[in-house]
Each structure stands twice: as structure tokens, then as C-alpha cells.
N, C-alpha and C. Protein backbone atom coordinates (compact mmCIF):
# COMPACT_ATOMS: atom_id res chain seq x y z
N MET A 1 25.06 -11.51 23.74
CA MET A 1 24.11 -11.11 22.72
C MET A 1 22.98 -10.02 22.78
N ASN A 2 22.67 -9.41 22.15
CA ASN A 2 21.99 -8.21 22.49
C ASN A 2 20.67 -8.70 21.68
N PRO A 3 19.43 -9.17 22.62
CA PRO A 3 17.99 -9.60 22.10
C PRO A 3 17.21 -8.47 21.40
N ASP A 4 17.41 -7.42 21.98
CA ASP A 4 16.68 -6.30 20.91
C ASP A 4 17.18 -6.10 19.81
N LYS A 5 18.55 -6.46 19.28
CA LYS A 5 19.04 -6.37 18.17
C LYS A 5 18.22 -7.29 17.01
N TYR A 6 17.40 -8.22 17.31
CA TYR A 6 16.99 -9.03 16.68
C TYR A 6 15.67 -9.19 16.74
N ASP A 7 15.04 -7.99 17.12
CA ASP A 7 13.43 -7.60 17.48
C ASP A 7 13.13 -7.67 16.00
N GLU A 8 11.93 -7.82 15.82
CA GLU A 8 11.34 -7.45 14.40
C GLU A 8 11.13 -5.99 14.42
N VAL A 9 11.58 -5.12 12.89
CA VAL A 9 11.32 -4.36 12.62
C VAL A 9 9.80 -3.77 12.27
N PRO A 10 9.60 -2.56 13.02
CA PRO A 10 8.26 -2.25 12.47
C PRO A 10 7.98 -1.79 11.06
N TYR A 11 7.19 -2.18 10.25
CA TYR A 11 6.80 -1.80 9.19
C TYR A 11 5.33 -1.66 8.85
N LYS A 12 4.89 -0.66 8.23
CA LYS A 12 3.15 -0.71 7.46
C LYS A 12 3.57 -0.59 6.01
N TYR A 13 2.47 -1.76 5.78
CA TYR A 13 2.50 -2.14 4.18
C TYR A 13 1.43 -0.86 3.31
N ILE A 14 1.67 -0.50 2.53
CA ILE A 14 0.91 0.42 1.83
C ILE A 14 0.57 0.00 0.26
N SER A 15 -0.62 0.09 0.03
CA SER A 15 -0.87 -0.22 -1.28
C SER A 15 -1.24 1.01 -1.68
N ILE A 16 -0.32 1.60 -3.16
CA ILE A 16 -1.12 2.75 -3.94
C ILE A 16 -1.83 2.19 -5.12
N ILE A 17 -3.12 3.40 -4.74
CA ILE A 17 -4.15 2.59 -5.90
C ILE A 17 -4.26 3.96 -7.00
N LYS A 18 -4.49 3.39 -8.46
CA LYS A 18 -4.34 4.54 -9.46
C LYS A 18 -5.62 4.30 -10.18
N CYS A 19 -5.90 5.44 -10.82
CA CYS A 19 -7.15 4.78 -11.68
C CYS A 19 -6.35 4.57 -13.22
N VAL A 20 -6.77 3.92 -14.00
CA VAL A 20 -6.00 3.44 -15.48
C VAL A 20 -5.74 4.80 -16.14
N SER A 21 -6.77 5.49 -16.24
CA SER A 21 -6.42 7.04 -17.03
C SER A 21 -5.83 8.05 -16.15
N ASN A 22 -4.95 7.86 -14.94
CA ASN A 22 -4.52 8.92 -14.21
C ASN A 22 -5.30 9.92 -13.57
N ASP A 23 -6.47 9.55 -13.47
CA ASP A 23 -7.64 10.89 -12.87
C ASP A 23 -7.38 10.96 -11.51
N HIS A 24 -6.83 9.77 -10.81
CA HIS A 24 -7.21 9.50 -9.33
C HIS A 24 -6.03 8.78 -8.82
N THR A 25 -5.52 9.26 -7.94
CA THR A 25 -4.49 8.45 -6.96
C THR A 25 -4.94 8.46 -5.62
N ALA A 26 -4.70 7.03 -4.85
CA ALA A 26 -5.30 7.06 -3.43
C ALA A 26 -4.17 5.95 -2.65
N ASP A 27 -4.12 5.96 -1.31
CA ASP A 27 -3.34 4.78 -0.53
C ASP A 27 -4.07 4.33 0.33
N ARG A 28 -3.74 3.12 0.61
CA ARG A 28 -4.79 2.21 1.68
C ARG A 28 -3.63 1.43 2.18
N GLU A 29 -3.93 0.89 3.65
CA GLU A 29 -3.16 -0.15 3.96
C GLU A 29 -3.64 -1.00 3.23
N PHE A 30 -2.27 -1.99 3.20
CA PHE A 30 -2.09 -3.49 2.57
C PHE A 30 -3.15 -4.16 3.18
N GLN A 31 -4.00 -5.30 2.27
CA GLN A 31 -5.04 -5.67 2.55
C GLN A 31 -4.41 -7.60 2.04
N GLU A 32 -4.80 -8.09 2.62
CA GLU A 32 -4.40 -9.64 2.33
C GLU A 32 -4.80 -9.96 0.99
N GLY A 33 -3.84 -10.41 -0.04
CA GLY A 33 -4.67 -10.60 -1.42
C GLY A 33 -4.43 -9.63 -2.55
N ASP A 34 -3.47 -8.21 -1.79
CA ASP A 34 -3.54 -7.39 -2.73
C ASP A 34 -2.02 -7.47 -3.39
N PHE A 35 -2.10 -7.22 -5.06
CA PHE A 35 -0.72 -7.39 -5.98
C PHE A 35 -0.96 -6.22 -7.07
N VAL A 36 0.36 -6.17 -7.53
CA VAL A 36 0.19 -4.96 -8.46
C VAL A 36 -0.37 -5.45 -9.54
N GLY A 37 -1.42 -4.66 -10.11
CA GLY A 37 -2.49 -5.16 -10.99
C GLY A 37 -3.56 -5.38 -10.73
N LYS A 38 -4.10 -5.58 -9.82
CA LYS A 38 -5.09 -5.87 -9.45
C LYS A 38 -6.33 -5.07 -9.27
N VAL A 39 -7.43 -5.09 -10.24
CA VAL A 39 -8.59 -4.29 -10.64
C VAL A 39 -9.38 -4.40 -9.14
N ILE A 40 -9.47 -3.20 -8.62
CA ILE A 40 -10.18 -2.97 -7.10
C ILE A 40 -11.56 -2.37 -7.10
N GLY A 41 -11.95 -1.95 -7.91
CA GLY A 41 -13.03 -0.96 -8.31
C GLY A 41 -13.12 0.33 -9.40
N GLU A 42 -14.12 1.11 -9.25
CA GLU A 42 -14.07 2.09 -10.32
C GLU A 42 -13.38 3.43 -9.51
N CYS A 43 -13.31 4.08 -10.53
CA CYS A 43 -12.61 5.80 -10.16
C CYS A 43 -13.72 6.20 -10.05
N PRO A 44 -13.87 7.06 -8.90
CA PRO A 44 -14.93 7.98 -8.49
C PRO A 44 -14.97 9.30 -9.37
N LYS A 45 -14.03 9.41 -10.07
CA LYS A 45 -14.47 10.85 -11.28
C LYS A 45 -14.49 10.58 -12.43
N CYS A 46 -13.96 9.26 -12.98
CA CYS A 46 -14.34 8.82 -14.12
C CYS A 46 -14.97 7.62 -14.41
N GLY A 47 -15.21 6.70 -13.70
CA GLY A 47 -15.31 5.97 -13.76
C GLY A 47 -14.82 4.21 -14.46
N ASN A 48 -13.39 4.70 -14.89
CA ASN A 48 -12.49 3.82 -15.39
C ASN A 48 -11.99 2.88 -14.29
N LYS A 49 -11.27 1.83 -14.26
CA LYS A 49 -10.90 0.89 -13.33
C LYS A 49 -9.79 1.68 -12.33
N LEU A 50 -10.00 0.87 -11.12
CA LEU A 50 -8.84 1.30 -10.30
C LEU A 50 -8.31 0.13 -9.90
N VAL A 51 -6.94 0.61 -9.94
CA VAL A 51 -5.82 -0.72 -10.06
C VAL A 51 -4.81 -0.52 -8.91
N ILE A 52 -3.88 -1.55 -8.67
CA ILE A 52 -3.14 -1.42 -7.21
C ILE A 52 -1.67 -0.90 -8.37
N ASP A 53 -1.18 0.25 -8.04
CA ASP A 53 0.06 0.47 -9.15
C ASP A 53 1.07 -0.04 -8.44
N ALA A 54 1.23 0.08 -6.71
CA ALA A 54 2.41 -0.06 -6.16
C ALA A 54 2.31 -0.54 -4.85
N ILE A 55 3.04 -1.61 -4.21
CA ILE A 55 3.04 -1.75 -3.11
C ILE A 55 4.33 -1.56 -1.83
N TYR A 56 4.52 -0.73 -0.92
CA TYR A 56 5.86 -0.38 -0.40
C TYR A 56 5.64 -0.95 1.26
N ALA A 57 7.00 -0.55 1.60
CA ALA A 57 6.80 -0.97 3.20
C ALA A 57 7.28 0.30 3.93
N GLN A 58 6.41 1.21 4.73
CA GLN A 58 6.71 2.26 5.44
C GLN A 58 7.47 1.63 7.01
N TYR A 59 8.68 2.39 7.30
CA TYR A 59 9.10 2.09 8.55
C TYR A 59 8.60 2.93 9.61
N ILE A 60 8.19 2.17 10.80
CA ILE A 60 7.30 3.10 11.64
C ILE A 60 8.43 3.01 12.91
N ALA A 61 8.94 4.09 13.05
CA ALA A 61 10.00 4.58 14.15
C ALA A 61 9.64 4.38 15.54
N ARG A 62 9.99 3.65 16.39
CA ARG A 62 10.00 3.11 17.75
C ARG A 62 10.00 4.37 18.79
N LYS A 63 9.18 4.63 19.57
CA LYS A 63 9.42 5.56 20.65
C LYS A 63 10.38 4.81 21.66
N ARG A 64 11.14 5.53 22.43
CA ARG A 64 11.87 4.92 23.22
C ARG A 64 11.67 5.72 24.65
């Protein structure tokens, strides 16, 4: 049995943040409590709400 086969796969979780008027888009590292639809502040361009639009996992390649 190969123990390396069962090692945890390294992922980085990313939250995509968008303005409700689509003026601004940004991404950041996932923070505990993030969920799609969560209002996190004001848009720096227009002052409308910034909400989390998507959350995804990005694979981090291991160096051998």
C-alpha cells in the first residue's frame, strides 16, 4: 500500500467578489464564514454592495 497515494491533496480556496452593478470584480483567499451571496462591503468604484459571487478550489502543484 502506497501511503503517498492517500496524502491530502493541496488546494487553495478562492472567493470571487463582485459589485452588484458589475463595475468591479476581485478575488481573495477564502475566509471562514464566506458564502455565496454574502455582502462584504461597498464597491470602491460606485459605492454599491460587494457580494461573494463564487467560491472555488484551486489545485496547488507539489514540487518534487
